[in-house]
Amino acid sequence: MRILVIDDEVPTLKMFGLLLEALGHAPVTAESGEEGLISFDRERPDVVLTDIKMPGIDGMDVLRALKEADPRIEVIVITGHGDTELAIEALHLDATDFINKPVRREALEHALSRAEERIRLKRAKEEEIRLVAGPGVDAGPDAIKDAAQDGAAVVRIRGTVNSPAEPVLRHVFEEALLTGAPTVVLDFEPSVSVNGAGIAVLAELVRHARTLGRAVRITGVSANLSTVFDVVGIAHNATVEAASPLE
């Protein structure tokens, strides 16, 4: 994997570079949070390792900025003694993991393995949640024809909408909004399942679209899921069209 390491201590950067190369990865280093964000935009690494405490833009600010730029990026934070509360806060911000200084090889390998697994799951989710039509988007065979003709942005949703799907769904929904389409269609396969985390993010996204003056249509959901969307309030901010029993 291509891994960006951000730390204000040069000896630490050198240590990470040697260790990551020994593990078969391609490290890129940055000596500050500011430099790290620039390097991220330029290099687009698979994983970012960032120290929490740095002058200027610290590791928590880096984590927030990276997740805003790309919710799918895997970020491992490097903590020192007594930084447990910061580490927990980082996990709440969807950091992949945290490792303590002095860094042990085993701990680093474990954190990177976790990041690789999350990347694998997200790539699988990207096949299930995709923007398939909209202004400037080539309409794929899975797009809804009449929606595409109306200039709507169509997001195809398959599989399960859960915590692993959240960053992918956020990213694709933002892509749909950026097309400028007046309507975003969330095209569900009737067999899609949605757990509590999925319901929460869907409710947030449709509210966000409404504040921007965009309409949201949810199509193809099962009758049961349509009822759930009505009960939790999603149907107040979006038009929900259940699939027919024969679909």
Protein backbone atom coordinates (compact mmCIF):
# COMPACT_ATOMS: atom_id res chain seq x y z
CA MET A 1 0.00 0.00 0.00
CA ARG A 2 1.02 3.62 -0.48
CA ILE A 3 1.15 5.10 3.03
CA LEU A 4 1.50 8.76 4.02
CA VAL A 5 3.17 9.32 7.42
CA ILE A 6 2.77 12.73 9.09
CA ASP A 7 4.97 13.54 12.11
CA ASP A 8 6.93 16.63 13.17
CA GLU A 9 9.83 14.49 14.45
CA VAL A 10 12.25 13.63 11.62
CA PRO A 11 13.78 10.57 13.39
CA THR A 12 10.26 9.15 13.79
CA LEU A 13 9.57 9.67 10.09
CA LYS A 14 12.79 7.87 9.17
CA MET A 15 11.89 5.00 11.48
CA PHE A 16 8.44 4.65 9.90
CA GLY A 17 9.93 4.83 6.40
CA LEU A 18 12.33 1.96 7.10
CA LEU A 19 9.71 -0.13 8.90
CA LEU A 20 7.03 0.33 6.24
CA GLU A 21 9.47 -0.51 3.44
CA ALA A 22 10.47 -3.66 5.34
CA LEU A 23 6.78 -4.58 5.46
CA GLY A 24 6.50 -4.16 1.70
CA HIS A 25 4.72 -0.80 1.62
CA ALA A 26 5.57 2.47 -0.19
CA PRO A 27 5.91 5.27 2.40
CA VAL A 28 5.58 9.01 1.77
CA THR A 29 6.47 11.36 4.62
CA ALA A 30 5.47 14.87 5.73
CA GLU A 31 6.92 16.90 8.61
CA SER A 32 3.77 18.84 9.54
CA GLY A 33 0.01 18.71 9.32
CA GLU A 34 0.02 21.41 6.67
CA GLU A 35 2.55 19.52 4.55
CA GLY A 36 0.65 16.31 5.13
CA LEU A 37 -2.60 17.69 3.71
CA ILE A 38 -0.77 18.96 0.63
CA SER A 39 0.91 15.56 0.21
CA PHE A 40 -2.44 13.83 0.55
CA ASP A 41 -3.93 15.86 -2.30
CA ARG A 42 -0.88 15.15 -4.45
CA GLU A 43 -0.22 11.49 -3.62
CA ARG A 44 -3.69 10.12 -2.79
CA PRO A 45 -2.32 7.36 -0.53
CA ASP A 46 -4.25 4.28 0.56
CA VAL A 47 -3.61 4.92 4.26
CA VAL A 48 -2.49 7.91 6.37
CA LEU A 49 -0.54 7.59 9.63
CA THR A 50 -0.57 10.84 11.61
CA ASP A 51 0.81 11.87 14.97
CA ILE A 52 -1.89 13.40 17.18
CA LYS A 53 0.18 16.14 18.83
CA MET A 54 1.96 18.47 16.39
CA PRO A 55 2.41 22.24 16.24
CA GLY A 56 0.11 24.09 13.86
CA ILE A 57 -2.40 21.70 12.33
CA ASP A 58 -2.41 18.77 14.74
CA GLY A 59 -3.40 15.18 14.09
CA MET A 60 -7.06 15.64 15.03
CA ASP A 61 -7.37 18.55 12.59
CA VAL A 62 -5.65 16.42 9.93
CA LEU A 63 -8.11 13.58 10.58
CA ARG A 64 -11.12 15.91 10.27
CA ALA A 65 -9.78 17.50 7.08
CA LEU A 66 -9.02 14.12 5.48
CA LYS A 67 -12.44 12.69 6.31
CA GLU A 68 -14.10 15.80 4.89
CA ALA A 69 -12.02 15.49 1.70
CA ASP A 70 -12.65 11.75 1.35
CA PRO A 71 -14.72 9.88 3.96
CA ARG A 72 -13.32 6.60 2.62
CA ILE A 73 -9.67 7.29 3.54
CA GLU A 74 -8.16 5.09 6.25
CA VAL A 75 -6.38 7.11 8.96
CA ILE A 76 -4.33 5.58 11.79
CA VAL A 77 -3.44 8.01 14.57
CA ILE A 78 -0.17 7.83 16.52
CA THR A 79 -0.63 8.59 20.20
CA GLY A 80 1.68 9.24 23.12
CA HIS A 81 1.39 8.40 26.81
CA GLY A 82 -1.80 9.82 28.32
CA ASP A 83 -3.50 10.45 24.97
CA THR A 84 -6.26 7.89 25.52
CA GLU A 85 -9.11 10.42 25.39
CA LEU A 86 -7.80 11.84 22.11
CA ALA A 87 -7.48 8.34 20.71
CA ILE A 88 -11.11 7.60 21.59
CA GLU A 89 -12.20 10.88 20.02
CA ALA A 90 -10.26 9.93 16.87
CA LEU A 91 -12.11 6.60 16.70
CA HIS A 92 -15.42 8.48 16.96
CA LEU A 93 -14.26 10.49 13.92
CA ASP A 94 -13.84 7.17 12.06
CA ALA A 95 -10.10 6.74 12.47
CA THR A 96 -9.17 3.18 11.52
CA ASP A 97 -7.11 2.54 14.67
CA PHE A 98 -4.53 4.10 16.96
CA ILE A 99 -1.03 2.98 17.87
CA ASN A 100 1.04 4.15 20.83
CA LYS A 101 4.58 5.49 20.89
CA PRO A 102 7.07 3.92 20.99
CA VAL A 103 5.60 2.10 18.01
CA ARG A 104 5.96 -1.69 18.04
CA ARG A 105 6.13 -3.56 14.73
CA GLU A 106 3.35 -5.93 15.78
CA ALA A 107 0.98 -3.07 16.64
CA LEU A 108 1.70 -1.36 13.32
CA GLU A 109 1.13 -4.58 11.37
CA HIS A 110 -2.18 -5.14 13.17
CA ALA A 111 -3.38 -1.60 12.44
CA LEU A 112 -2.37 -1.86 8.77
CA SER A 113 -4.12 -5.23 8.45
CA ARG A 114 -7.28 -3.64 9.82
CA ALA A 115 -6.93 -0.80 7.31
CA GLU A 116 -6.47 -3.27 4.44
CA GLU A 117 -9.60 -5.16 5.46
CA ARG A 118 -11.62 -1.93 5.67
CA ILE A 119 -10.35 -0.93 2.22
CA ARG A 120 -11.41 -4.32 0.84
CA LEU A 121 -14.89 -3.97 2.34
CA LYS A 122 -15.28 -0.42 1.03
CA ARG A 123 -14.24 -1.44 -2.46
CA ALA A 124 -16.88 -4.15 -2.34
CA LYS A 125 -19.41 -1.55 -1.20
CA GLU A 126 -18.40 0.72 -4.07
CA GLU A 127 -19.71 -1.95 -6.42
CA GLU A 128 -23.00 -1.95 -4.52
CA ILE A 129 -23.44 1.83 -4.17
CA ARG A 130 -22.68 3.75 -7.37
CA LEU A 131 -23.67 6.90 -9.22
CA VAL A 132 -25.03 5.50 -12.50
CA ALA A 133 -26.70 8.51 -14.14
CA GLY A 134 -26.93 12.28 -13.95
CA PRO A 135 -25.74 15.47 -15.67
CA GLY A 136 -22.25 14.79 -16.96
CA VAL A 137 -22.51 11.10 -16.05
CA ASP A 138 -22.75 8.39 -18.71
CA ALA A 139 -26.00 6.57 -17.99
CA GLY A 140 -25.23 2.94 -17.24
CA PRO A 141 -27.48 -0.05 -17.91
CA ASP A 142 -28.62 0.05 -14.27
CA ALA A 143 -29.90 3.62 -14.45
CA ILE A 144 -33.60 4.38 -14.32
CA LYS A 145 -34.36 5.54 -17.87
CA ASP A 146 -37.07 8.08 -17.10
CA ALA A 147 -35.03 9.53 -14.21
CA ALA A 148 -32.00 9.91 -16.46
CA GLN A 149 -34.15 11.62 -19.09
CA ASP A 150 -35.44 14.05 -16.46
CA GLY A 151 -31.87 15.03 -15.60
CA ALA A 152 -31.92 13.36 -12.18
CA ALA A 153 -28.78 11.94 -10.61
CA VAL A 154 -29.33 8.23 -9.97
CA VAL A 155 -27.53 6.33 -7.21
CA ARG A 156 -27.87 2.56 -7.48
CA ILE A 157 -27.97 0.79 -4.09
CA ARG A 158 -27.55 -2.94 -3.67
CA GLY A 159 -26.51 -5.24 -0.80
CA THR A 160 -26.63 -3.91 2.75
CA VAL A 161 -26.61 -0.31 3.97
CA ASN A 162 -24.70 -0.47 7.25
CA SER A 163 -21.67 1.06 8.99
CA PRO A 164 -19.12 -0.15 6.37
CA ALA A 165 -21.35 1.34 3.66
CA GLU A 166 -21.64 4.75 5.37
CA PRO A 167 -18.49 6.46 3.99
CA VAL A 168 -19.19 5.12 0.50
CA LEU A 169 -22.82 6.26 0.60
CA ARG A 170 -21.79 9.72 1.82
CA HIS A 171 -19.19 10.05 -0.94
CA VAL A 172 -21.50 8.88 -3.73
CA PHE A 173 -24.38 11.04 -2.49
CA GLU A 174 -22.07 14.07 -2.53
CA GLU A 175 -21.06 13.14 -6.08
CA ALA A 176 -24.74 13.09 -7.01
CA LEU A 177 -25.28 16.55 -5.49
CA LEU A 178 -22.22 17.90 -7.31
CA THR A 179 -23.77 17.00 -10.67
CA GLY A 180 -26.18 19.87 -10.07
CA ALA A 181 -29.19 17.66 -10.74
CA PRO A 182 -32.40 19.02 -9.16
CA THR A 183 -33.35 15.52 -8.01
CA VAL A 184 -31.30 12.68 -6.54
CA VAL A 185 -32.81 9.23 -7.00
CA LEU A 186 -31.75 6.50 -4.58
CA ASP A 187 -32.59 3.37 -6.56
CA PHE A 188 -32.84 0.42 -4.16
CA GLU A 189 -33.02 -3.21 -5.11
CA PRO A 190 -35.99 -4.66 -3.16
CA SER A 191 -33.70 -7.13 -1.37
CA VAL A 192 -31.52 -4.34 0.12
CA SER A 193 -31.34 -4.45 3.91
CA VAL A 194 -30.73 -1.34 6.03
CA ASN A 195 -29.67 -1.45 9.68
CA GLY A 196 -29.83 1.32 12.30
CA ALA A 197 -26.60 2.98 11.17
CA GLY A 198 -27.81 2.95 7.56
CA ILE A 199 -31.16 4.48 8.49
CA ALA A 200 -29.39 7.25 10.43
CA VAL A 201 -27.11 8.22 7.54
CA LEU A 202 -29.94 8.08 5.00
CA ALA A 203 -32.03 10.37 7.20
CA GLU A 204 -29.11 12.79 7.48
CA LEU A 205 -28.42 12.81 3.74
CA VAL A 206 -32.00 13.45 2.66
CA ARG A 207 -32.26 16.29 5.22
CA HIS A 208 -29.04 17.77 3.86
CA ALA A 209 -30.32 17.58 0.29
CA ARG A 210 -33.52 19.33 1.30
CA THR A 211 -31.60 22.21 2.91
CA LEU A 212 -29.84 22.64 -0.46
CA GLY A 213 -33.17 22.79 -2.26
CA ARG A 214 -32.75 19.37 -3.89
CA ALA A 215 -35.45 16.75 -4.12
CA VAL A 216 -34.78 13.12 -3.22
CA ARG A 217 -36.71 10.13 -4.56
CA ILE A 218 -36.22 6.70 -3.01
CA THR A 219 -37.37 3.96 -5.36
CA GLY A 220 -37.59 0.19 -5.36
CA VAL A 221 -37.57 -0.39 -1.58
CA SER A 222 -39.56 -3.20 -0.05
CA ALA A 223 -42.93 -2.45 1.52
CA ASN A 224 -41.48 -3.09 5.00
CA LEU A 225 -38.56 -0.73 4.43
CA SER A 226 -40.94 1.89 3.05
CA THR A 227 -42.90 1.68 6.30
CA VAL A 228 -39.71 2.07 8.33
CA PHE A 229 -38.69 5.14 6.30
CA ASP A 230 -42.10 6.65 7.04
CA VAL A 231 -41.88 5.95 10.78
CA VAL A 232 -38.37 7.38 11.21
CA GLY A 233 -39.16 10.53 9.21
CA ILE A 234 -37.16 9.88 6.04
CA ALA A 235 -40.39 10.02 4.04
CA HIS A 236 -40.93 13.58 5.32
CA ASN A 237 -37.89 14.77 3.36
CA ALA A 238 -38.01 12.41 0.40
CA THR A 239 -40.53 10.74 -1.89
CA VAL A 240 -40.54 7.01 -1.18
CA GLU A 241 -41.77 4.64 -3.89
CA ALA A 242 -42.00 1.00 -2.82
CA ALA A 243 -41.42 -1.78 -5.32
CA SER A 244 -44.41 -3.78 -6.49
CA PRO A 245 -44.75 -7.23 -4.87
CA LEU A 246 -43.73 -8.86 -8.17
CA GLU A 247 -40.35 -7.08 -8.34
